[in-house]
């Protein structure tokens, strides 16, 4: 049986994995974007679990909105990444300062 403590600890574990993925990986932009999506997912899980525990629908609606914004952010980030790869033929983060205008 899942109780609120187990659910929030699962959400915290996902959040920690996402934060560690961002801080430990400084070179690959794809892994940084995936870590950011894991952070958004963990926050949404936390809202959904709290919404179920409190018997309120507003947390679930807010989590759905956050996932929608995260999907839009992901698609825009991947489009920018494809354009950057076509120009530079590499996707390392170290060369991102060359794109400044």
Protein backbone atom coordinates (compact mmCIF):
# COMPACT_ATOMS: atom_id res chain seq x y z
CA UNK A 1 0.00 0.00 0.00
CA UNK A 2 1.31 3.40 -0.94
CA UNK A 3 1.05 6.06 1.70
CA UNK A 4 1.98 9.73 1.44
CA UNK A 5 5.46 9.27 2.94
CA UNK A 6 6.46 6.67 0.34
CA UNK A 7 5.09 8.77 -2.49
CA UNK A 8 6.87 11.93 -1.40
CA UNK A 9 10.12 10.01 -0.87
CA UNK A 10 9.79 8.65 -4.43
CA UNK A 11 9.25 12.18 -5.70
CA UNK A 12 12.26 13.43 -3.73
CA UNK A 13 14.41 10.61 -5.10
CA UNK A 14 13.46 11.52 -8.67
CA UNK A 15 14.19 15.18 -7.95
CA UNK A 16 17.59 14.27 -6.52
CA UNK A 17 18.45 12.15 -9.57
CA UNK A 18 17.54 15.09 -11.84
CA UNK A 19 19.60 17.59 -9.87
CA UNK A 20 22.59 15.26 -9.76
CA UNK A 21 22.23 14.68 -13.49
CA UNK A 22 22.47 18.41 -14.13
CA UNK A 23 25.37 19.07 -11.78
CA UNK A 24 27.46 16.00 -12.59
CA UNK A 25 27.05 16.26 -16.35
CA UNK A 26 28.46 19.49 -17.70
CA UNK A 27 29.21 18.40 -21.28
CA UNK A 28 26.20 16.70 -22.87
CA UNK A 29 23.19 18.94 -23.43
CA UNK A 30 20.84 16.02 -24.12
CA UNK A 31 21.45 14.56 -20.67
CA UNK A 32 20.94 17.97 -19.13
CA UNK A 33 17.56 18.31 -20.87
CA UNK A 34 16.56 14.82 -19.74
CA UNK A 35 17.55 15.67 -16.16
CA UNK A 36 15.44 18.81 -16.34
CA UNK A 37 12.47 16.74 -17.51
CA UNK A 38 13.00 14.34 -14.59
CA UNK A 39 12.86 17.31 -12.22
CA UNK A 40 9.59 18.49 -13.78
CA UNK A 41 8.20 14.96 -13.52
CA UNK A 42 9.11 14.65 -9.85
CA UNK A 43 7.44 17.95 -9.03
CA UNK A 44 4.32 16.83 -10.88
CA UNK A 45 4.33 13.54 -8.98
CA UNK A 46 4.52 15.47 -5.73
CA UNK A 47 1.50 17.60 -6.69
CA UNK A 48 -0.48 14.56 -7.81
CA UNK A 49 0.25 12.58 -4.65
CA UNK A 50 -0.61 15.55 -2.46
CA UNK A 51 -3.78 16.12 -4.46
CA UNK A 52 -4.86 12.53 -3.98
CA UNK A 53 -4.05 12.66 -0.26
CA UNK A 54 -5.97 15.92 0.25
CA UNK A 55 -8.83 14.82 -2.06
CA UNK A 56 -8.54 17.97 -4.17
CA UNK A 57 -8.43 18.09 -7.97
CA UNK A 58 -6.48 21.35 -8.29
CA UNK A 59 -3.08 19.68 -7.77
CA UNK A 60 -3.77 17.23 -10.59
CA UNK A 61 -4.82 20.04 -12.93
CA UNK A 62 -1.71 22.04 -12.06
CA UNK A 63 0.48 18.97 -12.65
CA UNK A 64 -1.11 18.53 -16.08
CA UNK A 65 -0.33 22.16 -16.92
CA UNK A 66 3.28 21.74 -15.78
CA UNK A 67 3.70 18.63 -17.93
CA UNK A 68 2.30 20.52 -20.91
CA UNK A 69 4.77 23.36 -20.43
CA UNK A 70 7.60 20.83 -19.95
CA UNK A 71 6.70 19.15 -23.25
CA UNK A 72 6.75 22.50 -25.04
CA UNK A 73 10.09 23.37 -23.44
CA UNK A 74 11.49 20.03 -24.49
CA UNK A 75 10.42 20.40 -28.11
CA UNK A 76 11.84 23.93 -28.36
CA UNK A 77 15.07 22.83 -26.72
CA UNK A 78 15.47 19.92 -29.12
CA UNK A 79 14.76 22.17 -32.11
CA UNK A 80 17.46 24.59 -30.97
CA UNK A 81 19.78 21.64 -30.43
CA UNK A 82 19.22 20.34 -33.98
CA UNK A 83 19.97 23.76 -35.44
CA UNK A 84 23.09 24.08 -33.28
CA UNK A 85 24.26 20.63 -34.38
CA UNK A 86 23.81 21.53 -38.05
CA UNK A 87 25.97 24.63 -37.60
CA UNK A 88 28.73 23.27 -35.32
CA UNK A 89 28.47 19.44 -35.87
CA UNK A 90 28.82 18.91 -32.12
CA UNK A 91 26.52 19.32 -29.13
CA UNK A 92 28.97 20.01 -26.30
CA UNK A 93 27.98 22.63 -23.77
CA UNK A 94 31.47 24.15 -23.67
CA UNK A 95 31.05 25.71 -27.12
CA UNK A 96 27.64 27.24 -26.39
CA UNK A 97 29.18 30.65 -25.65
CA UNK A 98 30.09 30.86 -29.36
CA UNK A 99 26.41 31.27 -30.24
CA UNK A 100 26.16 34.68 -28.57
CA UNK A 101 25.35 37.45 -30.99
